[in-house]
Amino acid sequence: MKNYKKLFLFTTCLLVGFLVMTCKSSDSQEIEKPAKDLGEGANCYIIPEEGKYSFVPLHVSGKPIENVRKVDWIWSTKVNESNEQKLLTNVSYENGRVCLTATGEKGNIVIAAFDENGKIVWVWHIWCTDTPKTMKYENGAVFMDRYLGAVSAEQADGKATWGLVWQWGRITPFFAGYDDTEWDVANAFTEARKWTILNPKYNLEWKFDAHSVSIEEAIAQPTVFFYDKKTCDWHNNIDLKLWGSVKTDYDPSPAGYHIPQTSQWEELKNLVPKKDLSGATYTFGNNEAWWAASGGGREFDSGCNIIGEGDIFVWSSTAEYVTDPFAGMKDFPVAYRLIYQLKSNFLYLKAMGNRSFAHTIRCVAD
């Protein structure tokens, strides 16, 4: 009989404990929702609505990200021009998981994993937007309906369709800005300082640095735009496989997507420019995709933004060594991008570019 009583008491305690952990209060009887698991390893996670989210810090390959001791936000786009970070109310690292609480506001925020010495060992782009749709193009490629980081895919929403920009091969996004206010190194990142918020707890600043670094150093300094005069690269060890036809650990796309090869956007020869130079449309069947003219991104040798008028610049994951006597190149490493200059109607589906340029990205489905 004593054993039955002990078993009854033990079972009762477990039941009470379960109720305490899952209920906010006995008065409201409101059951607290568990954090939504964001799934497999990626460098970008989409947050479509308010609520709690979490993920295990994994590389795209599934390998654990090591030496994580804490996680915190480091920079965010502004919400309604507020100088307070309003996208996430909680960022933490608990029981081997990165935990987030989203407000439901739209925008972009970058969070970082720190080691025991306070060094940044990895970063993630948290993309607070409605879940992007996809569109199948005539060649079979399935593209996302917006640029990476854009909070809208609708033409009428203007600059909300522009997105963020990346140096080729880096996981870290940069904010390009909206206006031509940056003309030399001295005023580079004026727009980023105007439209983003840096976490005051950390000694971070938007800046240009004229030397190349290792991947580890670049990750540790996510707000620094690097450039080497000799190689025109941010990376001190030339690597044309940081992005590729197979998704890599450095691909900034969310799960289920990757950066396209130039061969996947050949259908964009059928882009139709808007008369106001705000962008171009691609139509297949009854579907239409909007490609905003968000400018050239950031200049490779200064970090200054390139807004321009009616310009579309988009990175591919295609890169190779090129020999071109007319351009003075011999086995020179280049990456390729899409360039469409609407004003002159010049379209380049495979334009060479220095890897320290920062351009936008249009993801394609895996």
Protein backbone atom coordinates (compact mmCIF):
# COMPACT_ATOMS: atom_id res chain seq x y z
CA MET A 1 0.00 0.00 0.00
CA LYS A 2 2.85 2.40 0.85
CA ASN A 3 4.33 1.88 -2.62
CA TYR A 4 0.99 2.72 -4.26
CA LYS A 5 0.79 5.95 -2.23
CA LYS A 6 4.32 6.91 -3.26
CA LEU A 7 3.51 6.24 -6.90
CA PHE A 8 0.32 8.31 -6.64
CA LEU A 9 2.19 11.23 -5.04
CA PHE A 10 4.99 11.05 -7.63
CA THR A 11 2.51 11.01 -10.53
CA THR A 12 0.58 13.93 -9.03
CA CYS A 13 3.79 15.98 -8.67
CA LEU A 14 4.68 15.34 -12.30
CA LEU A 15 1.22 16.46 -13.42
CA VAL A 16 1.37 19.64 -11.34
CA GLY A 17 4.86 20.39 -12.62
CA PHE A 18 3.70 19.97 -16.21
CA LEU A 19 0.83 22.39 -15.65
CA VAL A 20 3.15 24.99 -14.08
CA MET A 21 5.59 24.82 -17.00
CA THR A 22 2.99 25.05 -19.75
CA CYS A 23 0.47 27.50 -18.32
CA LYS A 24 0.99 31.25 -17.98
CA SER A 25 -1.37 31.55 -15.03
CA SER A 26 -4.14 29.61 -13.32
CA ASP A 27 -6.46 32.58 -13.75
CA SER A 28 -6.28 32.94 -17.51
CA GLN A 29 -5.79 29.23 -18.17
CA GLU A 30 -3.83 30.37 -21.26
CA ILE A 31 -1.51 27.70 -22.56
CA GLU A 32 1.89 29.10 -23.53
CA LYS A 33 2.82 28.19 -27.08
CA PRO A 34 6.17 26.44 -27.53
CA ALA A 35 8.85 28.13 -29.62
CA LYS A 36 8.59 27.29 -33.30
CA ASP A 37 11.57 25.28 -34.56
CA LEU A 38 13.10 27.07 -37.56
CA GLY A 39 14.56 23.83 -38.83
CA GLU A 40 17.75 22.93 -40.63
CA GLY A 41 21.02 24.84 -40.64
CA ALA A 42 21.03 28.07 -42.66
CA ASN A 43 22.55 31.55 -42.54
CA CYS A 44 19.16 33.22 -42.92
CA TYR A 45 15.88 32.46 -41.19
CA ILE A 46 12.51 33.88 -42.23
CA ILE A 47 10.24 35.12 -39.43
CA PRO A 48 6.76 35.76 -40.90
CA GLU A 49 4.87 36.71 -37.73
CA GLU A 50 5.21 37.52 -34.06
CA GLY A 51 6.00 34.76 -31.63
CA LYS A 52 8.77 32.62 -30.20
CA TYR A 53 11.24 30.83 -32.46
CA SER A 54 14.37 28.75 -31.99
CA PHE A 55 16.99 26.83 -33.94
CA VAL A 56 20.08 24.74 -33.34
CA PRO A 57 23.23 26.58 -34.53
CA LEU A 58 24.26 24.43 -37.48
CA HIS A 59 26.11 25.08 -40.71
CA VAL A 60 24.29 24.46 -43.99
CA SER A 61 26.15 21.14 -44.16
CA GLY A 62 24.70 20.13 -40.79
CA LYS A 63 27.98 20.47 -38.93
CA PRO A 64 27.58 22.17 -35.50
CA ILE A 65 28.80 25.75 -35.14
CA GLU A 66 31.40 25.51 -32.39
CA ASN A 67 32.38 27.65 -29.39
CA VAL A 68 29.00 29.33 -28.97
CA ARG A 69 28.63 30.81 -25.49
CA LYS A 70 25.99 33.47 -26.06
CA VAL A 71 23.90 34.97 -28.86
CA ASP A 72 22.72 38.56 -29.23
CA TRP A 73 21.55 40.96 -31.92
CA ILE A 74 24.19 43.26 -33.42
CA TRP A 75 22.37 45.44 -35.96
CA SER A 76 18.86 46.00 -37.22
CA THR A 77 17.00 48.04 -39.80
CA LYS A 78 14.79 50.73 -38.32
CA VAL A 79 11.05 50.32 -37.90
CA ASN A 80 9.13 53.52 -38.71
CA GLU A 81 12.38 55.52 -38.28
CA SER A 82 12.54 54.61 -34.59
CA ASN A 83 15.99 54.67 -32.98
CA GLU A 84 15.06 51.63 -30.89
CA GLN A 85 15.41 48.05 -32.11
CA LYS A 86 11.83 46.85 -32.57
CA LEU A 87 12.09 43.53 -34.43
CA LEU A 88 13.09 41.17 -31.61
CA THR A 89 12.38 41.49 -27.88
CA ASN A 90 14.53 38.59 -26.82
CA VAL A 91 17.62 36.90 -28.22
CA SER A 92 19.34 34.22 -26.16
CA TYR A 93 21.24 30.94 -26.24
CA GLU A 94 19.65 28.26 -24.09
CA ASN A 95 20.23 24.51 -23.90
CA GLY A 96 22.08 24.47 -27.21
CA ARG A 97 19.44 26.47 -29.09
CA VAL A 98 19.25 30.05 -30.33
CA CYS A 99 15.98 31.51 -29.02
CA LEU A 100 14.15 34.53 -30.46
CA THR A 101 10.96 36.42 -29.72
CA ALA A 102 9.66 38.36 -32.72
CA THR A 103 7.38 41.40 -32.48
CA GLY A 104 5.74 40.93 -35.87
CA GLU A 105 7.26 44.10 -37.32
CA LYS A 106 8.92 43.86 -40.74
CA GLY A 107 12.61 44.37 -41.40
CA ASN A 108 16.05 42.79 -41.13
CA ILE A 109 18.14 42.05 -38.08
CA VAL A 110 21.51 40.32 -37.75
CA ILE A 111 22.32 38.24 -34.69
CA ALA A 112 25.71 36.88 -33.70
CA ALA A 113 27.16 33.97 -31.76
CA PHE A 114 29.96 34.93 -29.36
CA ASP A 115 32.63 32.69 -27.85
CA GLU A 116 33.78 32.80 -24.21
CA ASN A 117 36.12 35.71 -25.01
CA GLY A 118 33.39 37.81 -26.62
CA LYS A 119 34.55 37.19 -30.19
CA ILE A 120 31.91 36.79 -32.89
CA VAL A 121 32.20 33.27 -34.33
CA TRP A 122 29.11 33.27 -36.58
CA VAL A 123 26.24 35.49 -37.68
CA TRP A 124 22.69 34.91 -38.91
CA HIS A 125 20.39 37.14 -40.90
CA ILE A 126 16.90 37.14 -39.39
CA TRP A 127 14.51 38.20 -42.12
CA CYS A 128 11.23 39.50 -40.70
CA THR A 129 8.87 39.38 -43.66
CA ASP A 130 5.84 37.52 -44.90
CA THR A 131 6.78 34.11 -46.26
CA PRO A 132 8.10 34.73 -49.80
CA LYS A 133 6.31 33.09 -52.70
CA THR A 134 8.00 31.47 -55.67
CA MET A 135 7.56 31.60 -59.42
CA LYS A 136 8.62 29.04 -62.00
CA TYR A 137 10.38 30.62 -64.98
CA GLU A 138 10.16 29.25 -68.53
CA ASN A 139 13.51 27.43 -68.23
CA GLY A 140 12.26 25.55 -65.15
CA ALA A 141 14.15 27.56 -62.53
CA VAL A 142 12.02 28.48 -59.52
CA PHE A 143 12.90 31.93 -58.18
CA MET A 144 11.88 33.66 -54.98
CA ASP A 145 9.46 36.55 -55.54
CA ARG A 146 11.82 39.15 -54.04
CA TYR A 147 15.42 40.04 -53.33
CA LEU A 148 16.99 38.62 -50.20
CA GLY A 149 16.14 41.03 -47.37
CA ALA A 150 13.24 42.76 -49.15
CA VAL A 151 10.10 43.06 -47.04
CA SER A 152 7.75 43.22 -50.03
CA ALA A 153 7.50 41.82 -53.55
CA GLU A 154 4.91 44.36 -54.74
CA GLN A 155 5.91 47.05 -57.25
CA ALA A 156 3.77 49.61 -55.45
CA ASP A 157 5.86 49.25 -52.28
CA GLY A 158 8.89 50.88 -53.86
CA LYS A 159 12.03 50.77 -51.72
CA ALA A 160 10.58 48.03 -49.51
CA THR A 161 11.37 45.71 -52.46
CA TRP A 162 15.10 46.55 -52.52
CA GLY A 163 16.61 44.14 -49.99
CA LEU A 164 20.16 43.93 -48.62
CA VAL A 165 23.55 43.45 -50.30
CA TRP A 166 26.49 41.05 -49.86
CA GLN A 167 30.16 40.98 -50.81
CA TRP A 168 30.68 37.87 -52.94
CA GLY A 169 31.30 34.84 -50.72
CA ARG A 170 30.44 36.45 -47.37
CA ILE A 171 27.56 35.40 -45.14
CA THR A 172 27.18 38.92 -43.75
CA PRO A 173 24.67 41.36 -45.29
CA PHE A 174 25.17 45.10 -45.63
CA PHE A 175 22.57 47.84 -45.88
CA ALA A 176 22.97 49.76 -49.16
CA GLY A 177 20.71 52.73 -48.46
CA TYR A 178 18.17 54.69 -50.45
CA ASP A 179 19.88 57.91 -51.56
CA ASP A 180 23.12 58.92 -53.28
CA THR A 181 24.83 60.50 -50.27
CA GLU A 182 28.09 58.55 -50.25
CA TRP A 183 30.74 59.82 -52.67
CA ASP A 184 34.07 58.83 -51.10
CA VAL A 185 35.53 56.73 -48.29
CA ALA A 186 35.08 59.59 -45.81
CA ASN A 187 31.29 59.43 -46.05
CA ALA A 188 30.85 55.74 -46.90
CA PHE A 189 28.02 54.09 -44.95
CA THR A 190 26.22 57.37 -44.25
CA GLU A 191 23.02 55.68 -45.38
CA ALA A 192 23.63 52.60 -43.23
CA ARG A 193 24.13 54.80 -40.17
CA LYS A 194 20.91 56.65 -40.98
CA TRP A 195 18.66 53.64 -41.51
CA THR A 196 20.05 50.98 -39.17
CA ILE A 197 20.65 50.57 -35.44
CA LEU A 198 23.82 49.07 -33.97
CA ASN A 199 23.59 47.33 -30.60
CA PRO A 200 25.25 49.79 -28.17
CA LYS A 201 26.58 46.93 -26.02
CA TYR A 202 29.22 46.12 -28.63
CA ASN A 203 32.00 48.15 -30.20
CA LEU A 204 30.70 47.93 -33.75
CA GLU A 205 30.59 50.51 -36.52
CA TRP A 206 29.91 50.64 -40.23
CA LYS A 207 33.22 51.25 -41.98
CA PHE A 208 35.50 50.54 -44.94
CA ASP A 209 38.87 48.84 -44.41
CA ALA A 210 41.38 48.65 -47.26
CA HIS A 211 42.92 45.26 -46.59
CA SER A 212 41.88 41.64 -47.00
CA VAL A 213 41.17 39.23 -44.16
CA SER A 214 40.50 35.57 -43.46
CA ILE A 215 36.98 34.17 -43.37
CA GLU A 216 37.19 33.97 -39.58
CA GLU A 217 38.22 37.64 -39.32
CA ALA A 218 35.46 38.72 -41.70
CA ILE A 219 32.85 36.88 -39.64
CA ALA A 220 34.21 38.48 -36.45
CA GLN A 221 33.80 41.95 -38.01
CA PRO A 222 30.40 41.80 -39.72
CA THR A 223 29.97 45.57 -40.11
CA VAL A 224 33.33 46.13 -41.83
CA PHE A 225 33.57 46.27 -45.62
CA PHE A 226 36.95 44.81 -46.66
CA TYR A 227 38.89 45.34 -49.90
CA ASP A 228 42.37 44.46 -51.15
CA LYS A 229 43.81 46.72 -53.87
CA LYS A 230 45.81 43.94 -55.54
CA THR A 231 43.20 41.19 -55.67
CA CYS A 232 40.02 43.31 -55.53
CA ASP A 233 38.76 40.81 -52.97
CA TRP A 234 37.84 40.97 -49.28
CA HIS A 235 39.33 37.51 -48.69
CA ASN A 236 43.10 37.06 -48.25
CA ASN A 237 43.03 33.55 -49.69
CA ILE A 238 41.32 33.50 -53.08
CA ASP A 239 38.50 30.97 -53.00
CA LEU A 240 36.00 30.80 -55.84
CA LYS A 241 34.03 28.04 -54.13
CA LEU A 242 32.68 30.05 -51.19
CA TRP A 243 29.44 30.13 -53.17
CA GLY A 244 28.60 27.59 -55.85
CA SER A 245 26.11 25.48 -57.76
CA VAL A 246 25.76 23.32 -54.64
CA LYS A 247 24.77 25.31 -51.56
CA THR A 248 27.76 25.98 -49.32
CA ASP A 249 28.18 26.82 -45.64
CA TYR A 250 28.66 30.48 -46.67
CA ASP A 251 25.56 30.81 -48.84
CA PRO A 252 23.34 33.50 -47.22
CA SER A 253 20.08 32.03 -48.57
CA PRO A 254 17.39 30.64 -46.23
CA ALA A 255 16.73 26.90 -46.05
CA GLY A 256 15.31 25.54 -49.29
CA TYR A 257 17.05 28.13 -51.45
CA HIS A 258 20.50 28.93 -52.83
CA ILE A 259 22.22 31.62 -54.90
CA PRO A 260 21.62 30.93 -58.61
CA GLN A 261 24.22 30.18 -61.24
CA THR A 262 24.19 32.51 -64.27
CA SER A 263 22.74 29.67 -66.37
CA GLN A 264 19.59 29.71 -64.24
CA TRP A 265 18.60 33.27 -65.11
CA GLU A 266 19.00 33.16 -68.89
CA GLU A 267 15.25 33.78 -69.15
CA LEU A 268 15.83 37.29 -67.81
CA LYS A 269 16.70 38.36 -71.34
CA ASN A 270 12.92 38.82 -71.48
CA LEU A 271 12.80 41.42 -68.70
CA VAL A 272 10.58 44.39 -69.58
CA PRO A 273 11.70 47.73 -68.07
CA LYS A 274 9.28 50.18 -66.50
CA LYS A 275 9.15 53.64 -68.06
CA ASP A 276 9.85 55.28 -64.70
CA LEU A 277 13.07 53.18 -64.37
CA SER A 278 11.89 51.76 -61.03
CA GLY A 279 12.53 48.20 -62.17
CA ALA A 280 11.56 45.53 -64.67
CA THR A 281 9.09 42.68 -64.90
CA TYR A 282 9.40 39.10 -66.08
CA THR A 283 6.24 37.31 -67.24
CA PHE A 284 5.65 33.62 -67.82
CA GLY A 285 2.17 32.21 -68.24
CA ASN A 286 -0.16 34.12 -65.95
CA ASN A 287 2.55 35.03 -63.45
CA GLU A 288 4.70 38.14 -63.22
CA ALA A 289 7.86 38.77 -61.19
CA TRP A 290 9.14 42.16 -60.09
CA TRP A 291 12.86 42.96 -60.33
CA ALA A 292 13.39 46.29 -58.58
CA ALA A 293 16.06 48.73 -59.76
CA SER A 294 17.68 49.04 -56.35
CA GLY A 295 21.03 50.29 -57.63
CA GLY A 296 24.48 48.79 -57.77
CA GLY A 297 24.93 47.95 -54.11
CA ARG A 298 28.28 49.08 -52.66
CA GLU A 299 31.45 50.04 -54.55
CA PHE A 300 34.28 47.50 -54.34
CA ASP A 301 37.09 49.98 -53.57
CA SER A 302 35.37 52.40 -51.19
CA GLY A 303 32.27 50.79 -49.71
CA CYS A 304 30.18 53.72 -50.97
CA ASN A 305 26.66 52.93 -52.07
CA ILE A 306 25.74 52.95 -55.77
CA ILE A 307 22.11 53.92 -56.09
CA GLY A 308 22.18 55.20 -59.66
CA GLU A 309 19.07 55.55 -61.78
CA GLY A 310 17.33 52.48 -63.09
CA ASP A 311 20.12 50.00 -62.31
CA ILE A 312 19.73 46.32 -61.39
CA PHE A 313 22.81 44.47 -60.07
CA VAL A 314 22.41 40.90 -58.77
CA TRP A 315 25.10 38.41 -57.72
CA SER A 316 25.26 34.86 -59.06
CA SER A 317 27.22 32.05 -57.42
CA THR A 318 29.27 31.56 -60.60
CA ALA A 319 32.98 32.43 -60.44
CA GLU A 320 36.10 31.47 -62.38
CA TYR A 321 39.61 32.51 -63.44
CA VAL A 322 39.62 34.65 -66.58
CA THR A 323 42.29 35.55 -69.11
CA ASP A 324 41.44 38.60 -71.21
CA PRO A 325 44.35 40.44 -72.87
CA PHE A 326 42.12 43.38 -73.78
CA ALA A 327 41.21 43.86 -70.12
CA GLY A 328 44.74 43.17 -68.93
CA MET A 329 43.71 40.02 -67.10
CA LYS A 330 45.63 36.76 -66.92
CA ASP A 331 44.14 34.01 -64.77
CA PHE A 332 42.35 36.71 -62.80
CA PRO A 333 39.59 35.53 -60.41
CA VAL A 334 36.17 37.04 -61.09
CA ALA A 335 32.59 36.45 -60.05
CA TYR A 336 29.60 37.04 -62.29
CA ARG A 337 26.52 39.17 -61.85
CA LEU A 338 23.41 40.28 -63.68
CA ILE A 339 23.51 43.94 -64.72
CA TYR A 340 20.54 45.68 -66.29
CA GLN A 341 20.84 49.42 -66.94
CA LEU A 342 17.28 50.36 -67.72
CA LYS A 343 18.00 53.90 -68.92
CA SER A 344 20.21 52.68 -71.77
CA ASN A 345 18.46 49.28 -72.01
CA PHE A 346 21.78 47.40 -71.70
CA LEU A 347 21.38 43.92 -70.21
CA TYR A 348 24.36 41.75 -69.22
CA LEU A 349 23.45 38.26 -68.06
CA LYS A 350 27.05 37.38 -67.22
CA ALA A 351 28.97 40.52 -66.29
CA MET A 352 32.32 40.14 -64.54
CA GLY A 353 32.72 41.73 -61.11
CA ASN A 354 35.31 42.09 -58.36
CA ARG A 355 34.34 40.00 -55.36
CA SER A 356 34.57 42.94 -52.99
CA PHE A 357 31.55 44.55 -54.64
CA ALA A 358 28.36 44.19 -52.62
CA HIS A 359 25.23 43.40 -54.62
CA THR A 360 21.77 42.08 -53.95
CA ILE A 361 20.76 38.41 -54.25
CA ARG A 362 17.70 36.73 -55.78
CA CYS A 363 17.46 33.19 -54.40
CA VAL A 364 16.41 30.17 -56.43
CA ALA A 365 14.72 27.09 -54.96
CA ASP A 366 16.83 23.99 -54.30
